Amino acid sequence: MTLAPETTALKVHLSLGGDWLSICDLSLLTPGRGVAALLPDGCQVALFLDRAGRVYGIDNRDPFSGAAVLSRGLTGTHQGRPFVASPLLKQRFDLESGQCLDDESVRIATYEVRTS
């Protein structure tokens, strides 16, 4: 009996307080769609993979409605910047900076993400 060689899947890691927390396998992310993950402090992160292979992590909580739904939002680009639009009230959030593109007084948390 021959065993298939073991392959190592790339993992998505999030920077939290100077430490790196392993979140999931990169293969679980689909370009253009988000997934939510529960963090140790009870907050949620929304992870997004773009078509170029970049991974983004933002707070999953929509600051306008208070609901944890940003992972279900629609992704796109505005002036070359990746964003997610809230599925509830449609405000757009820059995936790199967290800045709301529709209300400059609002910003959500972003997380440093790496794969390895």
PDB file of N, CA and C in Angstrom:
ATOM      1  N   MET A   1       0.844  -1.170   0.000  1.00  0.00           N
ATOM      2  CA  MET A   1       0.000   0.000   0.000  1.00  0.00           C
ATOM      3  C   MET A   1       0.891   1.234   0.000  1.00  0.00           C
ATOM      4  N   THR A   2       0.618   2.148  -0.926  1.00  0.00           N
ATOM      5  CA  THR A   2       1.382   3.384  -1.014  1.00  0.00           C
ATOM      6  C   THR A   2       0.542   4.532  -0.476  1.00  0.00           C
ATOM      7  N   LEU A   3       1.135   5.290   0.406  1.00  0.00           N
ATOM      8  CA  LEU A   3       0.443   6.455   0.959  1.00  0.00           C
ATOM      9  C   LEU A   3       0.760   7.680   0.129  1.00  0.00           C
ATOM     10  N   ALA A   4      -0.237   8.511  -0.074  1.00  0.00           N
ATOM     11  CA  ALA A   4      -0.023   9.767  -0.802  1.00  0.00           C
ATOM     12  C   ALA A   4       0.854  10.675   0.053  1.00  0.00           C
ATOM     13  N   PRO A   5       1.741  11.438  -0.601  1.00  0.00           N
ATOM     14  CA  PRO A   5       2.587  12.346   0.178  1.00  0.00           C
ATOM     15  C   PRO A   5       1.724  13.388   0.891  1.00  0.00           C
ATOM     16  N   GLU A   6       2.128  13.721   2.102  1.00  0.00           N
ATOM     17  CA  GLU A   6       1.387  14.707   2.884  1.00  0.00           C
ATOM     18  C   GLU A   6       1.635  16.101   2.301  1.00  0.00           C
ATOM     19  N   THR A   7       0.562  16.834   2.106  1.00  0.00           N
ATOM     20  CA  THR A   7       0.701  18.193   1.609  1.00  0.00           C
ATOM     21  C   THR A   7       0.338  19.159   2.724  1.00  0.00           C
ATOM     22  N   THR A   8       0.991  20.276   2.730  1.00  0.00           N
ATOM     23  CA  THR A   8       0.737  21.285   3.737  1.00  0.00           C
ATOM     24  C   THR A   8      -0.073  22.403   3.105  1.00  0.00           C
ATOM     25  N   ALA A   9      -1.258  22.618   3.620  1.00  0.00           N
ATOM     26  CA  ALA A   9      -2.119  23.683   3.115  1.00  0.00           C
ATOM     27  C   ALA A   9      -1.675  25.007   3.718  1.00  0.00           C
ATOM     28  N   LEU A  10      -1.790  26.061   2.914  1.00  0.00           N
ATOM     29  CA  LEU A  10      -1.492  27.386   3.430  1.00  0.00           C
ATOM     30  C   LEU A  10      -2.550  27.781   4.443  1.00  0.00           C
ATOM     31  N   LYS A  11      -2.124  28.395   5.514  1.00  0.00           N
ATOM     32  CA  LYS A  11      -3.016  28.858   6.579  1.00  0.00           C
ATOM     33  C   LYS A  11      -3.100  30.380   6.549  1.00  0.00           C
ATOM     34  N   VAL A  12      -4.247  30.889   6.967  1.00  0.00           N
ATOM     35  CA  VAL A  12      -4.437  32.330   7.127  1.00  0.00           C
ATOM     36  C   VAL A  12      -4.210  32.640   8.600  1.00  0.00           C
ATOM     37  N   HIS A  13      -3.340  33.612   8.867  1.00  0.00           N
ATOM     38  CA  HIS A  13      -3.003  34.023  10.228  1.00  0.00           C
ATOM     39  C   HIS A  13      -3.341  35.500  10.395  1.00  0.00           C
ATOM     40  N   LEU A  14      -3.784  35.854  11.594  1.00  0.00           N
ATOM     41  CA  LEU A  14      -4.179  37.216  11.930  1.00  0.00           C
ATOM     42  C   LEU A  14      -3.294  37.714  13.061  1.00  0.00           C
ATOM     43  N   SER A  15      -2.826  38.945  12.958  1.00  0.00           N
ATOM     44  CA  SER A  15      -2.013  39.536  14.015  1.00  0.00           C
ATOM     45  C   SER A  15      -2.919  40.082  15.110  1.00  0.00           C
ATOM     46  N   LEU A  16      -2.741  39.569  16.323  1.00  0.00           N
ATOM     47  CA  LEU A  16      -3.510  40.014  17.489  1.00  0.00           C
ATOM     48  C   LEU A  16      -2.561  40.279  18.641  1.00  0.00           C
ATOM     49  N   GLY A  17      -2.413  41.526  19.007  1.00  0.00           N
ATOM     50  CA  GLY A  17      -1.581  41.870  20.161  1.00  0.00           C
ATOM     51  C   GLY A  17      -0.153  41.396  20.068  1.00  0.00           C
ATOM     52  N   GLY A  18       0.421  41.435  18.885  1.00  0.00           N
ATOM     53  CA  GLY A  18       1.801  41.023  18.704  1.00  0.00           C
ATOM     54  C   GLY A  18       1.993  39.541  18.417  1.00  0.00           C
ATOM     55  N   ASP A  19       0.950  38.744  18.577  1.00  0.00           N
ATOM     56  CA  ASP A  19       1.008  37.322  18.277  1.00  0.00           C
ATOM     57  C   ASP A  19       0.226  37.032  17.002  1.00  0.00           C
ATOM     58  N   TRP A  20       0.537  35.921  16.363  1.00  0.00           N
ATOM     59  CA  TRP A  20      -0.178  35.495  15.161  1.00  0.00           C
ATOM     60  C   TRP A  20      -1.105  34.352  15.510  1.00  0.00           C
ATOM     61  N   LEU A  21      -2.387  34.524  15.206  1.00  0.00           N
ATOM     62  CA  LEU A  21      -3.411  33.522  15.469  1.00  0.00           C
ATOM     63  C   LEU A  21      -3.792  32.853  14.160  1.00  0.00           C
ATOM     64  N   SER A  22      -3.693  31.524  14.118  1.00  0.00           N
ATOM     65  CA  SER A  22      -4.092  30.782  12.926  1.00  0.00           C
ATOM     66  C   SER A  22      -5.613  30.753  12.876  1.00  0.00           C
ATOM     67  N   ILE A  23      -6.190  31.174  11.721  1.00  0.00           N
ATOM     68  CA  ILE A  23      -7.641  31.287  11.591  1.00  0.00           C
ATOM     69  C   ILE A  23      -8.225  30.113  10.803  1.00  0.00           C
ATOM     70  N   CYS A  24      -7.701  29.864   9.600  1.00  0.00           N
ATOM     71  CA  CYS A  24      -8.267  28.803   8.761  1.00  0.00           C
ATOM     72  C   CYS A  24      -7.309  28.481   7.617  1.00  0.00           C
ATOM     73  N   ASP A  25      -7.636  27.437   6.866  1.00  0.00           N
ATOM     74  CA  ASP A  25      -6.893  27.143   5.645  1.00  0.00           C
ATOM     75  C   ASP A  25      -7.274  28.165   4.581  1.00  0.00           C
ATOM     76  N   LEU A  26      -6.305  28.611   3.816  1.00  0.00           N
ATOM     77  CA  LEU A  26      -6.554  29.556   2.726  1.00  0.00           C
ATOM     78  C   LEU A  26      -7.548  28.968   1.723  1.00  0.00           C
ATOM     79  N   SER A  27      -7.539  27.662   1.566  1.00  0.00           N
ATOM     80  CA  SER A  27      -8.425  27.001   0.598  1.00  0.00           C
ATOM     81  C   SER A  27      -9.910  27.174   0.940  1.00  0.00           C
ATOM     82  N   LEU A  28     -10.214  27.583   2.165  1.00  0.00           N
ATOM     83  CA  LEU A  28     -11.605  27.800   2.564  1.00  0.00           C
ATOM     84  C   LEU A  28     -12.147  29.149   2.111  1.00  0.00           C
ATOM     85  N   LEU A  29     -11.261  30.022   1.642  1.00  0.00           N
ATOM     86  CA  LEU A  29     -11.688  31.343   1.173  1.00  0.00           C
ATOM     87  C   LEU A  29     -11.917  31.305  -0.338  1.00  0.00           C
ATOM     88  N   THR A  30     -12.977  31.947  -0.784  1.00  0.00           N
ATOM     89  CA  THR A  30     -13.325  32.034  -2.198  1.00  0.00           C
ATOM     90  C   THR A  30     -13.166  33.477  -2.643  1.00  0.00           C
ATOM     91  N   PRO A  31     -12.451  33.727  -3.736  1.00  0.00           N
ATOM     92  CA  PRO A  31     -12.281  35.118  -4.186  1.00  0.00           C
ATOM     93  C   PRO A  31     -13.628  35.823  -4.345  1.00  0.00           C
ATOM     94  N   GLY A  32     -13.686  37.039  -3.780  1.00  0.00           N
ATOM     95  CA  GLY A  32     -14.883  37.856  -3.891  1.00  0.00           C
ATOM     96  C   GLY A  32     -15.945  37.596  -2.841  1.00  0.00           C
ATOM     97  N   ARG A  33     -15.719  36.618  -1.971  1.00  0.00           N
ATOM     98  CA  ARG A  33     -16.698  36.296  -0.926  1.00  0.00           C
ATOM     99  C   ARG A  33     -16.012  36.341   0.430  1.00  0.00           C
ATOM    100  N   GLY A  34     -16.742  36.720   1.444  1.00  0.00           N
ATOM    101  CA  GLY A  34     -16.180  36.807   2.779  1.00  0.00           C
ATOM    102  C   GLY A  34     -16.577  35.646   3.659  1.00  0.00           C
ATOM    103  N   VAL A  35     -15.799  35.455   4.716  1.00  0.00           N
ATOM    104  CA  VAL A  35     -16.134  34.494   5.764  1.00  0.00           C
ATOM    105  C   VAL A  35     -15.890  35.174   7.106  1.00  0.00           C
ATOM    106  N   ALA A  36     -16.659  34.794   8.099  1.00  0.00           N
ATOM    107  CA  ALA A  36     -16.488  35.339   9.443  1.00  0.00           C
ATOM    108  C   ALA A  36     -15.804  34.306  10.326  1.00  0.00           C
ATOM    109  N   ALA A  37     -14.986  34.805  11.251  1.00  0.00           N
ATOM    110  CA  ALA A  37     -14.328  33.931  12.224  1.00  0.00           C
ATOM    111  C   ALA A  37     -14.424  34.591  13.597  1.00  0.00           C
ATOM    112  N   LEU A  38     -14.650  33.768  14.603  1.00  0.00           N
ATOM    113  CA  LEU A  38     -14.741  34.241  15.977  1.00  0.00           C
ATOM    114  C   LEU A  38     -13.342  34.340  16.565  1.00  0.00           C
ATOM    115  N   LEU A  39     -13.043  35.480  17.184  1.00  0.00           N
ATOM    116  CA  LEU A  39     -11.741  35.702  17.810  1.00  0.00           C
ATOM    117  C   LEU A  39     -11.812  35.352  19.296  1.00  0.00           C
ATOM    118  N   PRO A  40     -10.668  35.130  19.941  1.00  0.00           N
ATOM    119  CA  PRO A  40     -10.664  34.745  21.353  1.00  0.00           C
ATOM    120  C   PRO A  40     -11.387  35.738  22.276  1.00  0.00           C
ATOM    121  N   ASP A  41     -11.413  37.022  21.914  1.00  0.00           N
ATOM    122  CA  ASP A  41     -12.069  38.020  22.765  1.00  0.00           C
ATOM    123  C   ASP A  41     -13.573  38.124  22.517  1.00  0.00           C
ATOM    124  N   GLY A  42     -14.120  37.273  21.638  1.00  0.00           N
ATOM    125  CA  GLY A  42     -15.541  37.283  21.349  1.00  0.00           C
ATOM    126  C   GLY A  42     -15.937  38.154  20.168  1.00  0.00           C
ATOM    127  N   CYS A  43     -15.014  38.954  19.656  1.00  0.00           N
ATOM    128  CA  CYS A  43     -15.275  39.755  18.457  1.00  0.00           C
ATOM    129  C   CYS A  43     -15.188  38.847  17.229  1.00  0.00           C
ATOM    130  N   GLN A  44     -15.626  39.379  16.098  1.00  0.00           N
ATOM    131  CA  GLN A  44     -15.553  38.626  14.855  1.00  0.00           C
ATOM    132  C   GLN A  44     -14.709  39.382  13.837  1.00  0.00           C
ATOM    133  N   VAL A  45     -13.980  38.636  13.033  1.00  0.00           N
ATOM    134  CA  VAL A  45     -13.236  39.193  11.912  1.00  0.00           C
ATOM    135  C   VAL A  45     -13.895  38.689  10.629  1.00  0.00           C
ATOM    136  N   ALA A  46     -13.948  39.572   9.632  1.00  0.00           N
ATOM    137  CA  ALA A  46     -14.409  39.185   8.293  1.00  0.00           C
ATOM    138  C   ALA A  46     -13.175  39.072   7.421  1.00  0.00           C
ATOM    139  N   LEU A  47     -12.974  37.915   6.799  1.00  0.00           N
ATOM    140  CA  LEU A  47     -11.825  37.673   5.927  1.00  0.00           C
ATOM    141  C   LEU A  47     -12.283  37.660   4.482  1.00  0.00           C
ATOM    142  N   PHE A  48     -11.475  38.282   3.616  1.00  0.00           N
ATOM    143  CA  PHE A  48     -11.774  38.335   2.192  1.00  0.00           C
ATOM    144  C   PHE A  48     -10.523  37.984   1.406  1.00  0.00           C
ATOM    145  N   LEU A  49     -10.696  37.235   0.333  1.00  0.00           N
ATOM    146  CA  LEU A  49      -9.639  36.901  -0.610  1.00  0.00           C
ATOM    147  C   LEU A  49     -10.002  37.543  -1.934  1.00  0.00           C
ATOM    148  N   ASP A  50      -9.087  38.363  -2.481  1.00  0.00           N
ATOM    149  CA  ASP A  50      -9.408  38.961  -3.783  1.00  0.00           C
ATOM    150  C   ASP A  50      -8.881  38.071  -4.905  1.00  0.00           C
ATOM    151  N   ARG A  51      -9.210  38.415  -6.118  1.00  0.00           N
ATOM    152  CA  ARG A  51      -8.837  37.586  -7.265  1.00  0.00           C
ATOM    153  C   ARG A  51      -7.336  37.557  -7.525  1.00  0.00           C
ATOM    154  N   ALA A  52      -6.596  38.508  -6.952  1.00  0.00           N
ATOM    155  CA  ALA A  52      -5.141  38.527  -7.083  1.00  0.00           C
ATOM    156  C   ALA A  52      -4.461  37.699  -5.988  1.00  0.00           C
ATOM    157  N   GLY A  53      -5.258  37.141  -5.075  1.00  0.00           N
ATOM    158  CA  GLY A  53      -4.695  36.300  -4.023  1.00  0.00           C
ATOM    159  C   GLY A  53      -4.383  37.022  -2.730  1.00  0.00           C
ATOM    160  N   ARG A  54      -4.715  38.313  -2.611  1.00  0.00           N
ATOM    161  CA  ARG A  54      -4.491  39.054  -1.372  1.00  0.00           C
ATOM    162  C   ARG A  54      -5.624  38.767  -0.392  1.00  0.00           C
ATOM    163  N   VAL A  55      -5.264  38.647   0.884  1.00  0.00           N
ATOM    164  CA  VAL A  55      -6.239  38.385   1.935  1.00  0.00           C
ATOM    165  C   VAL A  55      -6.352  39.626   2.816  1.00  0.00           C
ATOM    166  N   TYR A  56      -7.583  39.986   3.176  1.00  0.00           N
ATOM    167  CA  TYR A  56      -7.861  41.145   4.015  1.00  0.00           C
ATOM    168  C   TYR A  56      -8.649  40.705   5.232  1.00  0.00           C
ATOM    169  N   GLY A  57      -8.416  41.364   6.361  1.00  0.00           N
ATOM    170  CA  GLY A  57      -9.173  41.112   7.579  1.00  0.00           C
ATOM    171  C   GLY A  57      -9.710  42.420   8.132  1.00  0.00           C
ATOM    172  N   ILE A  58     -11.025  42.467   8.353  1.00  0.00           N
ATOM    173  CA  ILE A  58     -11.666  43.663   8.923  1.00  0.00           C
ATOM    174  C   ILE A  58     -12.634  43.219  10.018  1.00  0.00           C
ATOM    175  N   ASP A  59     -13.043  44.187  10.836  1.00  0.00           N
ATOM    176  CA  ASP A  59     -14.080  43.927  11.828  1.00  0.00           C
ATOM    177  C   ASP A  59     -15.347  43.497  11.094  1.00  0.00           C
ATOM    178  N   ASN A  60     -16.018  42.469  11.570  1.00  0.00           N
ATOM    179  CA  ASN A  60     -17.220  41.978  10.902  1.00  0.00           C
ATOM    180  C   ASN A  60     -18.461  42.805  11.262  1.00  0.00           C
ATOM    181  N   ARG A  61     -18.347  43.659  12.272  1.00  0.00           N
ATOM    182  CA  ARG A  61     -19.501  44.430  12.740  1.00  0.00           C
ATOM    183  C   ARG A  61     -19.705  45.688  11.903  1.00  0.00           C
ATOM    184  N   ASP A  62     -20.902  45.831  11.356  1.00  0.00           N
ATOM    185  CA  ASP A  62     -21.297  47.023  10.603  1.00  0.00           C
ATOM    186  C   ASP A  62     -21.555  48.140  11.618  1.00  0.00           C
ATOM    187  N   PRO A  63     -20.774  49.224  11.590  1.00  0.00           N
ATOM    188  CA  PRO A  63     -20.945  50.273  12.601  1.00  0.00           C
ATOM    189  C   PRO A  63     -22.258  51.054  12.467  1.00  0.00           C
ATOM    190  N   PHE A  64     -22.911  50.971  11.332  1.00  0.00           N
ATOM    191  CA  PHE A  64     -24.163  51.696  11.136  1.00  0.00           C
ATOM    192  C   PHE A  64     -25.365  50.940  11.704  1.00  0.00           C
ATOM    193  N   SER A  65     -25.353  49.608  11.620  1.00  0.00           N
ATOM    194  CA  SER A  65     -26.480  48.815  12.114  1.00  0.00           C
ATOM    195  C   SER A  65     -26.155  48.067  13.400  1.00  0.00           C
ATOM    196  N   GLY A  66     -24.864  47.855  13.669  1.00  0.00           N
ATOM    197  CA  GLY A  66     -24.448  47.081  14.832  1.00  0.00           C
ATOM    198  C   GLY A  66     -24.452  45.577  14.603  1.00  0.00           C
ATOM    199  N   ALA A  67     -24.898  45.141  13.437  1.00  0.00           N
ATOM    200  CA  ALA A  67     -24.974  43.708  13.133  1.00  0.00           C
ATOM    201  C   ALA A  67     -23.632  43.192  12.599  1.00  0.00           C
ATOM    202  N   ALA A  68     -23.312  41.957  12.925  1.00  0.00           N
ATOM    203  CA  ALA A  68     -22.075  41.320  12.455  1.00  0.00           C
ATOM    204  C   ALA A  68     -22.345  40.686  11.091  1.00  0.00           C
ATOM    205  N   VAL A  69     -22.274  41.520  10.035  1.00  0.00           N
ATOM    206  CA  VAL A  69     -22.683  41.071   8.701  1.00  0.00           C
ATOM    207  C   VAL A  69     -21.724  41.433   7.570  1.00  0.00           C
ATOM    208  N   LEU A  70     -20.638  42.143   7.859  1.00  0.00           N
ATOM    209  CA  LEU A  70     -19.793  42.608   6.747  1.00  0.00           C
ATOM    210  C   LEU A  70     -19.202  41.465   5.941  1.00  0.00           C
ATOM    211  N   SER A  71     -19.021  40.297   6.553  1.00  0.00           N
ATOM    212  CA  SER A  71     -18.495  39.143   5.808  1.00  0.00           C
ATOM    213  C   SER A  71     -19.445  38.711   4.698  1.00  0.00           C
ATOM    214  N   ARG A  72     -20.699  39.115   4.776  1.00  0.00           N
ATOM    215  CA  ARG A  72     -21.693  38.752   3.761  1.00  0.00           C
ATOM    216  C   ARG A  72     -21.866  39.838   2.696  1.00  0.00           C
ATOM    217  N   GLY A  73     -21.058  40.892   2.789  1.00  0.00           N
ATOM    218  CA  GLY A  73     -21.192  42.011   1.863  1.00  0.00           C
ATOM    219  C   GLY A  73     -20.639  41.720   0.478  1.00  0.00           C
ATOM    220  N   LEU A  74     -20.965  42.615  -0.439  1.00  0.00           N
ATOM    221  CA  LEU A  74     -20.469  42.530  -1.813  1.00  0.00           C
ATOM    222  C   LEU A  74     -19.128  43.242  -1.909  1.00  0.00           C
ATOM    223  N   THR A  75     -18.181  42.627  -2.619  1.00  0.00           N
ATOM    224  CA  THR A  75     -16.868  43.241  -2.783  1.00  0.00           C
ATOM    225  C   THR A  75     -16.773  43.917  -4.140  1.00  0.00           C
ATOM    226  N   GLY A  76     -15.867  44.878  -4.218  1.00  0.00           N
ATOM    227  CA  GLY A  76     -15.633  45.589  -5.464  1.00  0.00           C
ATOM    228  C   GLY A  76     -14.411  46.467  -5.316  1.00  0.00           C
ATOM    229  N   THR A  77     -14.206  47.356  -6.271  1.00  0.00           N
ATOM    230  CA  THR A  77     -13.125  48.326  -6.190  1.00  0.00           C
ATOM    231  C   THR A  77     -13.664  49.705  -6.509  1.00  0.00           C
ATOM    232  N   HIS A  78     -13.075  50.711  -5.879  1.00  0.00           N
ATOM    233  CA  HIS A  78     -13.409  52.107  -6.123  1.00  0.00           C
ATOM    234  C   HIS A  78     -12.092  52.850  -6.246  1.00  0.00           C
ATOM    235  N   GLN A  79     -11.835  53.422  -7.410  1.00  0.00           N
ATOM    236  CA  GLN A  79     -10.576  54.122  -7.685  1.00  0.00           C
ATOM    237  C   GLN A  79      -9.375  53.239  -7.335  1.00  0.00           C
ATOM    238  N   GLY A  80      -9.487  51.970  -7.713  1.00  0.00           N
ATOM    239  CA  GLY A  80      -8.394  51.022  -7.508  1.00  0.00           C
ATOM    240  C   GLY A  80      -8.269  50.469  -6.107  1.00  0.00           C
ATOM    241  N   ARG A  81      -9.157  50.853  -5.197  1.00  0.00           N
ATOM    242  CA  ARG A  81      -9.105  50.391  -3.808  1.00  0.00           C
ATOM    243  C   ARG A  81     -10.166  49.313  -3.573  1.00  0.00           C
ATOM    244  N   PRO A  82      -9.785  48.186  -2.953  1.00  0.00           N
ATOM    245  CA  PRO A  82     -10.763  47.130  -2.687  1.00  0.00           C
ATOM    246  C   PRO A  82     -11.696  47.544  -1.548  1.00  0.00           C
ATOM    247  N   PHE A  83     -12.978  47.201  -1.687  1.00  0.00           N
ATOM    248  CA  PHE A  83     -13.935  47.511  -0.630  1.00  0.00           C
ATOM    249  C   PHE A  83     -14.950  46.394  -0.494  1.00  0.00           C
ATOM    250  N   VAL A  84     -15.667  46.446   0.634  1.00  0.00           N
ATOM    251  CA  VAL A  84     -16.839  45.600   0.837  1.00  0.00           C
ATOM    252  C   VAL A  84     -17.998  46.534   1.154  1.00  0.00           C
ATOM    253  N   ALA A  85     -19.161  46.253   0.577  1.00  0.00           N
ATOM    254  CA  ALA A  85     -20.366  47.023   0.853  1.00  0.00           C
ATOM    255  C   ALA A  85     -21.231  46.229   1.827  1.00  0.00           C
ATOM    256  N   SER A  86     -21.659  46.893   2.878  1.00  0.00           N
ATOM    257  CA  SER A  86     -22.505  46.237   3.865  1.00  0.00           C
ATOM    258  C   SER A  86     -23.766  45.694   3.200  1.00  0.00           C
ATOM    259  N   PRO A  87     -24.162  44.464   3.540  1.00  0.00           N
ATOM    260  CA  PRO A  87     -25.384  43.912   2.939  1.00  0.00           C
ATOM    261  C   PRO A  87     -26.657  44.584   3.467  1.00  0.00           C
ATOM    262  N   LEU A  88     -26.552  45.345   4.550  1.00  0.00           N
ATOM    263  CA  LEU A  88     -27.745  45.975   5.119  1.00  0.00           C
ATOM    264  C   LEU A  88     -27.996  47.367   4.556  1.00  0.00           C
ATOM    265  N   LEU A  89     -27.083  48.287   4.819  1.00  0.00           N
ATOM    266  CA  LEU A  89     -27.315  49.688   4.428  1.00  0.00           C
ATOM    267  C   LEU A  89     -26.436  50.131   3.264  1.00  0.00           C
ATOM    268  N   LYS A  90     -25.602  49.231   2.762  1.00  0.00           N
ATOM    269  CA  LYS A  90     -24.794  49.408   1.550  1.00  0.00           C
ATOM    270  C   LYS A  90     -23.603  50.360   1.677  1.00  0.00           C
ATOM    271  N   GLN A  91     -23.247  50.817   2.897  1.00  0.00           N
ATOM    272  CA  GLN A  91     -22.040  51.631   3.017  1.00  0.00           C
ATOM    273  C   GLN A  91     -20.837  50.777   2.649  1.00  0.00           C
ATOM    274  N   ARG A  92     -19.879  51.414   1.978  1.00  0.00           N
ATOM    275  CA  ARG A  92     -18.685  50.715   1.509  1.00  0.00           C
ATOM    276  C   ARG A  92     -17.510  50.999   2.438  1.00  0.00           C
ATOM    277  N   PHE A  93     -16.732  49.941   2.738  1.00  0.00           N
ATOM    278  CA  PHE A  93     -15.580  50.041   3.615  1.00  0.00           C
ATOM    279  C   PHE A  93     -14.337  49.562   2.873  1.00  0.00           C
ATOM    280  N   ASP A  94     -13.306  50.400   2.889  1.00  0.00           N
ATOM    281  CA  ASP A  94     -12.026  50.065   2.271  1.00  0.00           C
ATOM    282  C   ASP A  94     -11.440  48.870   3.016  1.00  0.00           C
ATOM    283  N   LEU A  95     -11.088  47.808   2.303  1.00  0.00           N
ATOM    284  CA  LEU A  95     -10.570  46.595   2.927  1.00  0.00           C
ATOM    285  C   LEU A  95      -9.149  46.772   3.468  1.00  0.00           C
ATOM    286  N   GLU A  96      -8.407  47.764   2.989  1.00  0.00           N
ATOM    287  CA  GLU A  96      -7.047  47.979   3.476  1.00  0.00           C
ATOM    288  C   GLU A  96      -7.005  48.892   4.687  1.00  0.00           C
ATOM    289  N   SER A  97      -7.785  49.971   4.663  1.00  0.00           N
ATOM    290  CA  SER A  97      -7.709  50.972   5.735  1.00  0.00           C
ATOM    291  C   SER A  97      -8.882  50.925   6.705  1.00  0.00           C
ATOM    292  N   GLY A  98     -10.015  50.332   6.305  1.00  0.00           N
ATOM    293  CA  GLY A  98     -11.209  50.329   7.135  1.00  0.00           C
ATOM    294  C   GLY A  98     -12.055  51.587   7.003  1.00  0.00           C
ATOM    295  N   GLN A  99     -11.577  52.562   6.234  1.00  0.00           N
ATOM    296  CA  GLN A  99     -12.292  53.823   6.061  1.00  0.00           C
ATOM    297  C   GLN A  99     -13.605  53.602   5.317  1.00  0.00           C
ATOM    298  N   CYS A 100     -14.684  54.206   5.840  1.00  0.00           N
ATOM    299  CA  CYS A 100     -15.959  54.160   5.140  1.00  0.00           C
ATOM    300  C   CYS A 100     -15.873  55.111   3.956  1.00  0.00           C
ATOM    301  N   LEU A 101     -16.163  54.639   2.777  1.00  0.00           N
ATOM    302  CA  LEU A 101     -16.075  55.462   1.572  1.00  0.00           C
ATOM    303  C   LEU A 101     -17.279  56.377   1.422  1.00  0.00           C
ATOM    304  N   ASP A 102     -18.313  56.148   2.210  1.00  0.00           N
ATOM    305  CA  ASP A 102     -19.537  56.939   2.108  1.00  0.00           C
ATOM    306  C   ASP A 102     -19.726  57.903   3.268  1.00  0.00           C
ATOM    307  N   ASP A 103     -18.899  57.794   4.304  1.00  0.00           N
ATOM    308  CA  ASP A 103     -18.965  58.687   5.464  1.00  0.00           C
ATOM    309  C   ASP A 103     -17.571  58.741   6.071  1.00  0.00           C
ATOM    310  N   GLU A 104     -16.828  59.789   5.765  1.00  0.00           N
ATOM    311  CA  GLU A 104     -15.418  59.838   6.174  1.00  0.00           C
ATOM    312  C   GLU A 104     -15.213  59.904   7.685  1.00  0.00           C
ATOM    313  N   SER A 105     -16.275  60.103   8.448  1.00  0.00           N
ATOM    314  CA  SER A 105     -16.134  60.129   9.906  1.00  0.00           C
ATOM    315  C   SER A 105     -16.166  58.725  10.512  1.00  0.00           C
ATOM    316  N   VAL A 106     -16.387  57.708   9.689  1.00  0.00           N
ATOM    317  CA  VAL A 106     -16.524  56.329  10.192  1.00  0.00           C
ATOM    318  C   VAL A 106     -15.391  55.457   9.643  1.00  0.00           C
ATOM    319  N   ARG A 107     -14.835  54.657  10.521  1.00  0.00           N
ATOM    320  CA  ARG A 107     -13.764  53.719  10.157  1.00  0.00           C
ATOM    321  C   ARG A 107     -13.957  52.455  10.987  1.00  0.00           C
ATOM    322  N   ILE A 108     -13.678  51.302  10.396  1.00  0.00           N
ATOM    323  CA  ILE A 108     -13.724  50.040  11.131  1.00  0.00           C
ATOM    324  C   ILE A 108     -12.302  49.522  11.312  1.00  0.00           C
ATOM    325  N   ALA A 109     -12.141  48.610  12.253  1.00  0.00           N
ATOM    326  CA  ALA A 109     -10.831  48.031  12.522  1.00  0.00           C
ATOM    327  C   ALA A 109     -10.399  47.129  11.366  1.00  0.00           C
ATOM    328  N   THR A 110      -9.118  47.152  11.080  1.00  0.00           N
ATOM    329  CA  THR A 110      -8.522  46.236  10.125  1.00  0.00           C
ATOM    330  C   THR A 110      -7.475  45.401  10.852  1.00  0.00           C
ATOM    331  N   TYR A 111      -7.162  44.254  10.295  1.00  0.00           N
ATOM    332  CA  TYR A 111      -6.196  43.353  10.892  1.00  0.00           C
ATOM    333  C   TYR A 111      -5.103  43.035   9.895  1.00  0.00           C
ATOM    334  N   GLU A 112      -3.882  42.918  10.407  1.00  0.00           N
ATOM    335  CA  GLU A 112      -2.786  42.451   9.552  1.00  0.00           C
ATOM    336  C   GLU A 112      -2.959  40.953   9.351  1.00  0.00           C
ATOM    337  N   VAL A 113      -2.877  40.534   8.099  1.00  0.00           N
ATOM    338  CA  VAL A 113      -3.105  39.128   7.746  1.00  0.00           C
ATOM    339  C   VAL A 113      -1.900  38.617   6.959  1.00  0.00           C
ATOM    340  N   ARG A 114      -1.551  37.377   7.190  1.00  0.00           N
ATOM    341  CA  ARG A 114      -0.502  36.726   6.394  1.00  0.00           C
ATOM    342  C   ARG A 114      -0.897  35.283   6.149  1.00  0.00           C
ATOM    343  N   THR A 115      -0.288  34.699   5.140  1.00  0.00           N
ATOM    344  CA  THR A 115      -0.489  33.283   4.868  1.00  0.00           C
ATOM    345  C   THR A 115       0.859  32.580   4.948  1.00  0.00           C
ATOM    346  N   SER A 116       0.832  31.360   5.413  1.00  0.00           N
ATOM    347  CA  SER A 116       2.076  30.562   5.471  1.00  0.00           C
ATOM    348  C   SER A 116       1.714  29.089   5.609  1.00  0.00           C
TER     349      SER A 116
END
